[in-house]
Amino acid sequence: MFQRYFPWAGGLFISAIFLDSLRFKFAGHPTPRHIFETLREWSGIGLFYPAGPWIIGLGELLASALLIAAPLILLAMKQPRLANLSQFGGALIAIGIMSGAIIFHLFTPLGVETPVEWANGAPTKFSPALFYSACASWTFALIILFLRKGALKA
């Protein structure tokens, strides 16, 4: 039962996190701007901002599509193996994106707590919620990879 339903439940959780964050990444919200500007300043790599939120957002959108939308379509077409393979691919993308997020939160000046409230362009409240969401999404993606690895064999 776990093997049958967890990839869907875990995929929904990951997709909810990813899809909810798109409105912040694509609209220029101060939190992703702060995150990616901090990484740009720390690394000296100009690609982190302004391109970073868009690149990561598109990756999260693709992962979400592969975790939920594509498998539903494939199941409707009576292609369960391809549906499982799609979820495997979505989980692989998710684990890659979340691995980067976790590493950057832990090993750069970004830190575990990121701004969640702003006033007059300055952060007023910080929270570890993004970091915890990344850790949970990473864990769920790893479980989905394990449960869907059989789709690679056929």
N, C-alpha and C. Protein backbone atom coordinates (compact mmCIF):
# COMPACT_ATOMS: atom_id res chain seq x y z
N MET A 1 0.82 -1.19 0.00
CA MET A 1 0.00 0.00 0.00
C MET A 1 0.87 1.26 0.00
N PHE A 2 1.92 1.27 0.86
CA PHE A 2 2.84 2.41 0.92
C PHE A 2 3.48 2.65 -0.44
N GLN A 3 3.94 1.56 -1.07
CA GLN A 3 4.62 1.67 -2.36
C GLN A 3 3.68 2.19 -3.44
N ARG A 4 2.42 1.91 -3.32
CA ARG A 4 1.46 2.35 -4.33
C ARG A 4 1.07 3.82 -4.16
N TYR A 5 0.87 4.25 -2.90
CA TYR A 5 0.32 5.58 -2.67
C TYR A 5 1.34 6.65 -2.31
N PHE A 6 2.48 6.26 -1.73
CA PHE A 6 3.43 7.29 -1.31
C PHE A 6 3.96 8.13 -2.47
N PRO A 7 4.30 7.54 -3.62
CA PRO A 7 4.79 8.39 -4.70
C PRO A 7 3.79 9.49 -5.09
N TRP A 8 2.51 9.21 -4.98
CA TRP A 8 1.51 10.23 -5.28
C TRP A 8 1.42 11.26 -4.16
N ALA A 9 1.37 10.80 -2.92
CA ALA A 9 1.30 11.73 -1.78
C ALA A 9 2.57 12.56 -1.68
N GLY A 10 3.71 11.91 -1.81
CA GLY A 10 4.98 12.63 -1.76
C GLY A 10 5.12 13.59 -2.93
N GLY A 11 4.68 13.15 -4.11
CA GLY A 11 4.72 14.02 -5.29
C GLY A 11 3.82 15.23 -5.14
N LEU A 12 2.67 15.04 -4.52
CA LEU A 12 1.77 16.17 -4.26
C LEU A 12 2.40 17.15 -3.27
N PHE A 13 3.04 16.62 -2.23
CA PHE A 13 3.70 17.49 -1.25
C PHE A 13 4.80 18.32 -1.92
N ILE A 14 5.68 17.64 -2.65
CA ILE A 14 6.78 18.33 -3.33
C ILE A 14 6.22 19.36 -4.31
N SER A 15 5.23 18.96 -5.10
CA SER A 15 4.65 19.87 -6.08
C SER A 15 3.99 21.07 -5.43
N ALA A 16 3.33 20.86 -4.30
CA ALA A 16 2.72 21.98 -3.59
C ALA A 16 3.78 22.99 -3.15
N ILE A 17 4.89 22.50 -2.63
CA ILE A 17 5.99 23.38 -2.21
C ILE A 17 6.54 24.12 -3.43
N PHE A 18 6.83 23.37 -4.49
CA PHE A 18 7.43 23.97 -5.68
C PHE A 18 6.49 24.97 -6.35
N LEU A 19 5.25 24.57 -6.56
CA LEU A 19 4.32 25.44 -7.29
C LEU A 19 3.96 26.69 -6.49
N ASP A 20 3.87 26.55 -5.17
CA ASP A 20 3.60 27.73 -4.34
C ASP A 20 4.75 28.73 -4.41
N SER A 21 5.96 28.24 -4.52
CA SER A 21 7.13 29.15 -4.53
C SER A 21 7.27 29.91 -5.85
N LEU A 22 6.62 29.43 -6.91
CA LEU A 22 6.78 30.07 -8.22
C LEU A 22 6.30 31.52 -8.22
N ARG A 23 5.22 31.79 -7.50
CA ARG A 23 4.71 33.16 -7.48
C ARG A 23 5.72 34.12 -6.88
N PHE A 24 6.55 33.63 -5.98
CA PHE A 24 7.60 34.47 -5.38
C PHE A 24 8.79 34.61 -6.33
N LYS A 25 9.20 33.48 -6.91
CA LYS A 25 10.37 33.50 -7.80
C LYS A 25 10.11 34.30 -9.08
N PHE A 26 8.94 34.10 -9.68
CA PHE A 26 8.66 34.72 -10.97
C PHE A 26 8.19 36.17 -10.85
N ALA A 27 7.74 36.58 -9.67
CA ALA A 27 7.23 37.95 -9.51
C ALA A 27 8.24 38.90 -8.88
N GLY A 28 9.45 38.42 -8.60
CA GLY A 28 10.47 39.30 -8.04
C GLY A 28 10.28 39.63 -6.57
N HIS A 29 9.67 38.74 -5.81
CA HIS A 29 9.46 38.94 -4.37
C HIS A 29 10.82 39.13 -3.67
N PRO A 30 10.87 39.92 -2.60
CA PRO A 30 12.15 40.19 -1.94
C PRO A 30 12.85 38.95 -1.35
N THR A 31 12.10 37.92 -0.95
CA THR A 31 12.77 36.76 -0.33
C THR A 31 13.66 36.01 -1.33
N PRO A 32 13.14 35.57 -2.49
CA PRO A 32 14.06 34.91 -3.42
C PRO A 32 15.14 35.86 -3.92
N ARG A 33 14.80 37.13 -4.04
CA ARG A 33 15.82 38.10 -4.46
C ARG A 33 16.95 38.13 -3.42
N HIS A 34 16.59 38.18 -2.14
CA HIS A 34 17.59 38.16 -1.07
C HIS A 34 18.45 36.89 -1.14
N ILE A 35 17.78 35.75 -1.32
CA ILE A 35 18.49 34.47 -1.36
C ILE A 35 19.49 34.45 -2.50
N PHE A 36 19.04 34.75 -3.70
CA PHE A 36 19.91 34.63 -4.86
C PHE A 36 20.94 35.76 -4.94
N GLU A 37 20.63 36.94 -4.43
CA GLU A 37 21.64 38.01 -4.36
C GLU A 37 22.72 37.66 -3.34
N THR A 38 22.32 37.06 -2.22
CA THR A 38 23.29 36.62 -1.22
C THR A 38 24.25 35.60 -1.83
N LEU A 39 23.71 34.65 -2.59
CA LEU A 39 24.55 33.64 -3.24
C LEU A 39 25.43 34.26 -4.31
N ARG A 40 24.91 35.24 -5.03
CA ARG A 40 25.71 35.94 -6.05
C ARG A 40 26.88 36.67 -5.40
N GLU A 41 26.61 37.39 -4.33
CA GLU A 41 27.67 38.13 -3.65
C GLU A 41 28.70 37.19 -3.03
N TRP A 42 28.23 36.10 -2.45
CA TRP A 42 29.14 35.14 -1.82
C TRP A 42 30.03 34.44 -2.84
N SER A 43 29.44 34.04 -3.98
CA SER A 43 30.17 33.24 -4.96
C SER A 43 30.87 34.06 -6.03
N GLY A 44 30.37 35.28 -6.28
CA GLY A 44 30.90 36.07 -7.38
C GLY A 44 30.35 35.64 -8.73
N ILE A 45 29.37 34.76 -8.73
CA ILE A 45 28.76 34.25 -9.97
C ILE A 45 27.50 35.06 -10.26
N GLY A 46 27.55 35.88 -11.29
CA GLY A 46 26.44 36.77 -11.61
C GLY A 46 25.17 36.06 -12.03
N LEU A 47 25.26 34.80 -12.43
CA LEU A 47 24.09 34.05 -12.88
C LEU A 47 23.07 33.82 -11.75
N PHE A 48 23.52 33.87 -10.50
CA PHE A 48 22.60 33.62 -9.40
C PHE A 48 21.43 34.60 -9.39
N TYR A 49 21.70 35.85 -9.68
CA TYR A 49 20.60 36.82 -9.76
C TYR A 49 20.89 37.79 -10.88
N PRO A 50 19.97 37.98 -11.78
CA PRO A 50 18.54 37.73 -11.74
C PRO A 50 18.08 36.39 -12.33
N ALA A 51 18.97 35.62 -12.94
CA ALA A 51 18.54 34.39 -13.63
C ALA A 51 18.20 33.25 -12.68
N GLY A 52 18.81 33.20 -11.52
CA GLY A 52 18.64 32.08 -10.60
C GLY A 52 17.21 31.73 -10.26
N PRO A 53 16.40 32.69 -9.83
CA PRO A 53 15.02 32.33 -9.50
C PRO A 53 14.25 31.74 -10.68
N TRP A 54 14.53 32.25 -11.87
CA TRP A 54 13.85 31.73 -13.07
C TRP A 54 14.31 30.32 -13.41
N ILE A 55 15.61 30.08 -13.34
CA ILE A 55 16.14 28.75 -13.66
C ILE A 55 15.62 27.72 -12.67
N ILE A 56 15.71 28.02 -11.39
CA ILE A 56 15.23 27.09 -10.37
C ILE A 56 13.71 26.94 -10.47
N GLY A 57 13.00 28.03 -10.68
CA GLY A 57 11.54 27.96 -10.81
C GLY A 57 11.11 27.08 -11.97
N LEU A 58 11.78 27.19 -13.10
CA LEU A 58 11.44 26.34 -14.24
C LEU A 58 11.76 24.88 -13.95
N GLY A 59 12.86 24.62 -13.24
CA GLY A 59 13.19 23.25 -12.83
C GLY A 59 12.13 22.68 -11.89
N GLU A 60 11.66 23.51 -10.96
CA GLU A 60 10.61 23.07 -10.04
C GLU A 60 9.29 22.82 -10.77
N LEU A 61 8.99 23.64 -11.75
CA LEU A 61 7.78 23.45 -12.55
C LEU A 61 7.86 22.14 -13.33
N LEU A 62 9.01 21.86 -13.92
CA LEU A 62 9.21 20.60 -14.65
C LEU A 62 9.09 19.40 -13.72
N ALA A 63 9.73 19.48 -12.55
CA ALA A 63 9.65 18.37 -11.58
C ALA A 63 8.20 18.12 -11.19
N SER A 64 7.46 19.19 -10.93
CA SER A 64 6.05 19.04 -10.55
C SER A 64 5.24 18.38 -11.66
N ALA A 65 5.47 18.79 -12.89
CA ALA A 65 4.76 18.19 -14.02
C ALA A 65 5.07 16.71 -14.14
N LEU A 66 6.33 16.34 -13.93
CA LEU A 66 6.73 14.93 -14.04
C LEU A 66 6.25 14.09 -12.86
N LEU A 67 6.06 14.72 -11.71
CA LEU A 67 5.61 13.99 -10.53
C LEU A 67 4.10 13.73 -10.54
N ILE A 68 3.32 14.66 -11.10
CA ILE A 68 1.86 14.54 -10.99
C ILE A 68 1.15 14.57 -12.35
N ALA A 69 1.32 15.63 -13.12
CA ALA A 69 0.53 15.80 -14.35
C ALA A 69 0.83 14.72 -15.39
N ALA A 70 2.09 14.54 -15.73
CA ALA A 70 2.45 13.56 -16.75
C ALA A 70 2.04 12.14 -16.36
N PRO A 71 2.28 11.71 -15.11
CA PRO A 71 1.83 10.35 -14.75
C PRO A 71 0.32 10.17 -14.85
N LEU A 72 -0.46 11.19 -14.51
CA LEU A 72 -1.92 11.08 -14.64
C LEU A 72 -2.32 10.89 -16.11
N ILE A 73 -1.68 11.64 -16.98
CA ILE A 73 -1.96 11.51 -18.42
C ILE A 73 -1.54 10.13 -18.91
N LEU A 74 -0.36 9.70 -18.48
CA LEU A 74 0.15 8.39 -18.91
C LEU A 74 -0.71 7.24 -18.39
N LEU A 75 -1.22 7.36 -17.18
CA LEU A 75 -2.11 6.33 -16.66
C LEU A 75 -3.42 6.30 -17.44
N ALA A 76 -3.91 7.47 -17.82
CA ALA A 76 -5.13 7.52 -18.63
C ALA A 76 -4.90 6.87 -19.98
N MET A 77 -3.65 6.88 -20.45
CA MET A 77 -3.29 6.25 -21.73
C MET A 77 -2.88 4.78 -21.53
N LYS A 78 -3.08 4.28 -20.31
CA LYS A 78 -2.75 2.89 -19.96
C LYS A 78 -1.25 2.60 -20.12
N GLN A 79 -0.44 3.53 -19.61
CA GLN A 79 1.01 3.40 -19.65
C GLN A 79 1.60 3.50 -18.23
N PRO A 80 1.33 2.52 -17.36
CA PRO A 80 1.78 2.62 -15.97
C PRO A 80 3.30 2.65 -15.82
N ARG A 81 4.03 1.93 -16.66
CA ARG A 81 5.48 1.93 -16.57
C ARG A 81 6.04 3.32 -16.86
N LEU A 82 5.48 3.98 -17.89
CA LEU A 82 5.93 5.32 -18.22
C LEU A 82 5.52 6.33 -17.14
N ALA A 83 4.37 6.10 -16.52
CA ALA A 83 3.94 6.96 -15.42
C ALA A 83 4.93 6.86 -14.26
N ASN A 84 5.35 5.64 -13.95
CA ASN A 84 6.34 5.43 -12.89
C ASN A 84 7.68 6.05 -13.27
N LEU A 85 8.05 5.92 -14.53
CA LEU A 85 9.30 6.50 -15.00
C LEU A 85 9.25 8.03 -14.92
N SER A 86 8.10 8.60 -15.21
CA SER A 86 7.93 10.05 -15.10
C SER A 86 8.11 10.50 -13.66
N GLN A 87 7.50 9.76 -12.72
CA GLN A 87 7.66 10.12 -11.31
C GLN A 87 9.11 9.97 -10.87
N PHE A 88 9.80 8.96 -11.38
CA PHE A 88 11.22 8.79 -11.07
C PHE A 88 12.00 10.02 -11.56
N GLY A 89 11.73 10.45 -12.79
CA GLY A 89 12.42 11.62 -13.34
C GLY A 89 12.11 12.89 -12.56
N GLY A 90 10.86 13.09 -12.19
CA GLY A 90 10.49 14.26 -11.39
C GLY A 90 11.17 14.26 -10.04
N ALA A 91 11.24 13.08 -9.41
CA ALA A 91 11.91 12.97 -8.12
C ALA A 91 13.41 13.22 -8.26
N LEU A 92 13.99 12.78 -9.36
CA LEU A 92 15.42 13.02 -9.60
C LEU A 92 15.72 14.51 -9.73
N ILE A 93 14.89 15.22 -10.48
CA ILE A 93 15.05 16.67 -10.60
C ILE A 93 14.86 17.34 -9.24
N ALA A 94 13.82 16.92 -8.51
CA ALA A 94 13.54 17.51 -7.20
C ALA A 94 14.70 17.30 -6.23
N ILE A 95 15.27 16.10 -6.23
CA ILE A 95 16.37 15.84 -5.29
C ILE A 95 17.60 16.66 -5.68
N GLY A 96 17.80 16.88 -6.97
CA GLY A 96 18.91 17.73 -7.40
C GLY A 96 18.73 19.17 -6.95
N ILE A 97 17.54 19.71 -7.17
CA ILE A 97 17.27 21.10 -6.78
C ILE A 97 17.35 21.25 -5.26
N MET A 98 16.75 20.32 -4.53
CA MET A 98 16.74 20.43 -3.07
C MET A 98 18.11 20.14 -2.47
N SER A 99 18.92 19.33 -3.12
CA SER A 99 20.30 19.13 -2.64
C SER A 99 21.06 20.45 -2.70
N GLY A 100 20.90 21.17 -3.81
CA GLY A 100 21.52 22.48 -3.92
C GLY A 100 21.02 23.43 -2.87
N ALA A 101 19.72 23.45 -2.64
CA ALA A 101 19.14 24.35 -1.64
C ALA A 101 19.70 24.04 -0.25
N ILE A 102 19.73 22.78 0.12
CA ILE A 102 20.21 22.39 1.45
C ILE A 102 21.68 22.76 1.61
N ILE A 103 22.49 22.47 0.60
CA ILE A 103 23.92 22.79 0.65
C ILE A 103 24.13 24.29 0.79
N PHE A 104 23.40 25.07 -0.01
CA PHE A 104 23.56 26.53 0.06
C PHE A 104 23.10 27.09 1.40
N HIS A 105 22.04 26.53 1.96
CA HIS A 105 21.58 27.00 3.27
C HIS A 105 22.60 26.67 4.37
N LEU A 106 23.22 25.53 4.27
CA LEU A 106 24.13 25.08 5.33
C LEU A 106 25.55 25.62 5.22
N PHE A 107 26.04 25.83 4.00
CA PHE A 107 27.46 26.09 3.82
C PHE A 107 27.79 27.43 3.18
N THR A 108 26.85 28.35 3.20
CA THR A 108 27.10 29.69 2.67
C THR A 108 26.57 30.70 3.68
N PRO A 109 26.82 31.98 3.47
CA PRO A 109 26.27 33.00 4.37
C PRO A 109 24.74 33.06 4.38
N LEU A 110 24.09 32.37 3.46
CA LEU A 110 22.63 32.37 3.43
C LEU A 110 22.05 31.92 4.76
N GLY A 111 22.55 30.84 5.30
CA GLY A 111 22.08 30.34 6.59
C GLY A 111 20.76 29.61 6.49
N VAL A 112 20.36 29.03 7.60
CA VAL A 112 19.14 28.23 7.66
C VAL A 112 17.91 29.12 7.73
N GLU A 113 18.00 30.25 8.39
CA GLU A 113 16.85 31.16 8.51
C GLU A 113 16.91 32.20 7.40
N THR A 114 15.80 32.33 6.68
CA THR A 114 15.71 33.32 5.61
C THR A 114 14.57 34.29 5.91
N PRO A 115 14.62 35.48 5.32
CA PRO A 115 13.57 36.47 5.59
C PRO A 115 12.21 36.01 5.09
N VAL A 116 11.19 36.25 5.90
CA VAL A 116 9.82 35.91 5.51
C VAL A 116 8.90 37.12 5.56
N GLU A 117 9.33 38.18 6.22
CA GLU A 117 8.54 39.42 6.24
C GLU A 117 9.47 40.59 5.98
N TRP A 118 8.93 41.59 5.28
CA TRP A 118 9.72 42.74 4.86
C TRP A 118 8.96 44.04 5.18
N ALA A 119 9.72 45.10 5.46
CA ALA A 119 9.15 46.43 5.62
C ALA A 119 10.16 47.44 5.08
N ASN A 120 9.71 48.27 4.17
CA ASN A 120 10.58 49.29 3.56
C ASN A 120 11.85 48.69 2.96
N GLY A 121 11.72 47.52 2.33
CA GLY A 121 12.85 46.89 1.65
C GLY A 121 13.82 46.17 2.56
N ALA A 122 13.52 46.07 3.86
CA ALA A 122 14.42 45.39 4.80
C ALA A 122 13.69 44.23 5.47
N PRO A 123 14.41 43.12 5.68
CA PRO A 123 13.77 41.99 6.36
C PRO A 123 13.45 42.33 7.82
N THR A 124 12.26 41.90 8.26
CA THR A 124 11.86 42.15 9.64
C THR A 124 11.63 40.86 10.43
N LYS A 125 11.48 39.75 9.74
CA LYS A 125 11.27 38.47 10.41
C LYS A 125 11.95 37.37 9.61
N PHE A 126 12.59 36.45 10.31
CA PHE A 126 13.31 35.34 9.68
C PHE A 126 12.71 34.02 10.16
N SER A 127 12.81 32.99 9.31
CA SER A 127 12.26 31.68 9.64
C SER A 127 13.08 30.58 8.96
N PRO A 128 13.18 29.41 9.60
CA PRO A 128 13.84 28.27 8.95
C PRO A 128 12.89 27.46 8.07
N ALA A 129 11.68 27.95 7.82
CA ALA A 129 10.66 27.18 7.10
C ALA A 129 11.12 26.74 5.70
N LEU A 130 11.80 27.61 4.96
CA LEU A 130 12.28 27.21 3.62
C LEU A 130 13.27 26.06 3.72
N PHE A 131 14.16 26.12 4.68
CA PHE A 131 15.14 25.05 4.87
C PHE A 131 14.45 23.74 5.23
N TYR A 132 13.49 23.80 6.16
CA TYR A 132 12.76 22.58 6.54
C TYR A 132 11.96 22.02 5.38
N SER A 133 11.37 22.88 4.57
CA SER A 133 10.64 22.43 3.39
C SER A 133 11.57 21.74 2.40
N ALA A 134 12.77 22.30 2.24
CA ALA A 134 13.77 21.68 1.35
C ALA A 134 14.15 20.30 1.86
N CYS A 135 14.36 20.17 3.16
CA CYS A 135 14.73 18.87 3.74
C CYS A 135 13.61 17.84 3.58
N ALA A 136 12.37 18.26 3.82
CA ALA A 136 11.23 17.34 3.66
C ALA A 136 11.06 16.95 2.19
N SER A 137 11.16 17.91 1.29
CA SER A 137 11.03 17.62 -0.14
C SER A 137 12.14 16.68 -0.60
N TRP A 138 13.36 16.91 -0.14
CA TRP A 138 14.50 16.04 -0.48
C TRP A 138 14.23 14.61 -0.02
N THR A 139 13.74 14.47 1.21
CA THR A 139 13.46 13.14 1.77
C THR A 139 12.36 12.44 0.99
N PHE A 140 11.29 13.16 0.68
CA PHE A 140 10.19 12.57 -0.08
C PHE A 140 10.66 12.17 -1.48
N ALA A 141 11.48 13.01 -2.11
CA ALA A 141 11.99 12.69 -3.45
C ALA A 141 12.87 11.44 -3.40
N LEU A 142 13.68 11.31 -2.37
CA LEU A 142 14.52 10.12 -2.22
C LEU A 142 13.66 8.85 -2.10
N ILE A 143 12.59 8.93 -1.32
CA ILE A 143 11.70 7.77 -1.17
C ILE A 143 11.03 7.44 -2.50
N ILE A 144 10.59 8.46 -3.23
CA ILE A 144 9.97 8.21 -4.54
C ILE A 144 10.98 7.57 -5.49
N LEU A 145 12.23 8.04 -5.48
CA LEU A 145 13.25 7.42 -6.32
C LEU A 145 13.39 5.93 -6.00
N PHE A 146 13.44 5.63 -4.72
CA PHE A 146 13.58 4.24 -4.30
C PHE A 146 12.37 3.40 -4.75
N LEU A 147 11.17 3.95 -4.55
CA LEU A 147 9.96 3.19 -4.87
C LEU A 147 9.73 3.05 -6.37
N ARG A 148 10.21 3.98 -7.17
CA ARG A 148 9.99 3.95 -8.61
C ARG A 148 11.21 3.47 -9.41
N LYS A 149 12.25 3.01 -8.74
CA LYS A 149 13.47 2.60 -9.45
C LYS A 149 13.23 1.40 -10.37
N GLY A 150 12.22 0.61 -10.09
CA GLY A 150 11.88 -0.53 -10.94
C GLY A 150 11.49 -0.13 -12.35
N ALA A 151 11.02 1.09 -12.54
CA ALA A 151 10.62 1.57 -13.86
C ALA A 151 11.83 1.69 -14.79
N LEU A 152 13.04 1.76 -14.23
CA LEU A 152 14.24 1.86 -15.05
C LEU A 152 14.64 0.51 -15.66
N LYS A 153 14.20 -0.57 -15.07
CA LYS A 153 14.63 -1.92 -15.48
C LYS A 153 13.99 -2.41 -16.77
N ALA A 154 12.78 -1.97 -17.04
CA ALA A 154 12.04 -2.52 -18.19
C ALA A 154 12.56 -1.97 -19.50
